Amino acid sequence: MMLEVSDLHVAYDGVQAVKGINLSIAAGELICLIGANGAGKTTTLKALAGMQRARAGVVTYQDEVITNLSSHDLLRRGIALVPEGRGIFARLTVMENLQLGAYSRHDAAGIARDLKHVQELFPRLAERRAQTAGTLSGGEQQMLAIARALMSRPRLLMLDEPSMGLSPMLVQKIFETIRNIAAEGVTILLVEQNAHLALQISQRGYVLENGQIKLSDSSGNLTKNEEVKRAYLGG
């Protein structure tokens, strides 16, 4: 397994938000984590990205224990997070944001190739490369946040609510791009409230409720699960 999480406990603002979860991701998989607001999805990602300290449990990445390593150390190992709310540098240009995504790298030729690649992946960013990032639309900012994360050349890309605040048309474009990124071999852990789309593009899924994994199965089986349909798929 690329990533294994065993009995992870995380407290956030004094509240036990994650209560002993177990999950695993194999290299090349696109896995989704779905659940209601407050279920612990974002806290889980923050703990895996080194932005929130785990109280207990073990996180193993490529056979190395990485529990509570810093986000900087994890980025160097190939783990990148696109946070909820995007977290772009609003006063910098699109190109400056992309270049900052590669700050931990020292391969100039590779960085140049990846700058070209992410602009091909997101043509809108190429058109707006000199524009201040804070003036972009919500959808363009989401594209920039994903592209900036890709500039670190991650092996594991974690996405937190990429559809939030976007129009249905833009959501479809973002999810199509996520599928394309996965097809290029990047392993993806997707946290998403739009359970329909998340299950549509992923191979497997975990359902998180009150800080605990309630269900784990193939995305196809979860889509047909009556409990999941009632709670998350409007059925």
Foldseek 3Di string as FASTA:
>chain_A
DQKWWFQWWFADPNRGQAGTEIDDFDFLFAEEEEEDPSLNPQVVVCQVQLNGATPDTFMAGPNRTCGNPHNVVVLLVFEFEQHVVRPFDQQAFLQVLLVVLQVVDDDVVVLVVLVVVLCVLPVVCVVRRRPRLNPDDLLVSLSSSVSSPCSSVHLEYEYAASCPPHDPVSSVSVLVSVLVVSVVRRYYYYYHLLLVSSLVRGQWYFYGGSNYTPDIDGSVVLCVDPVSCVPRVVD
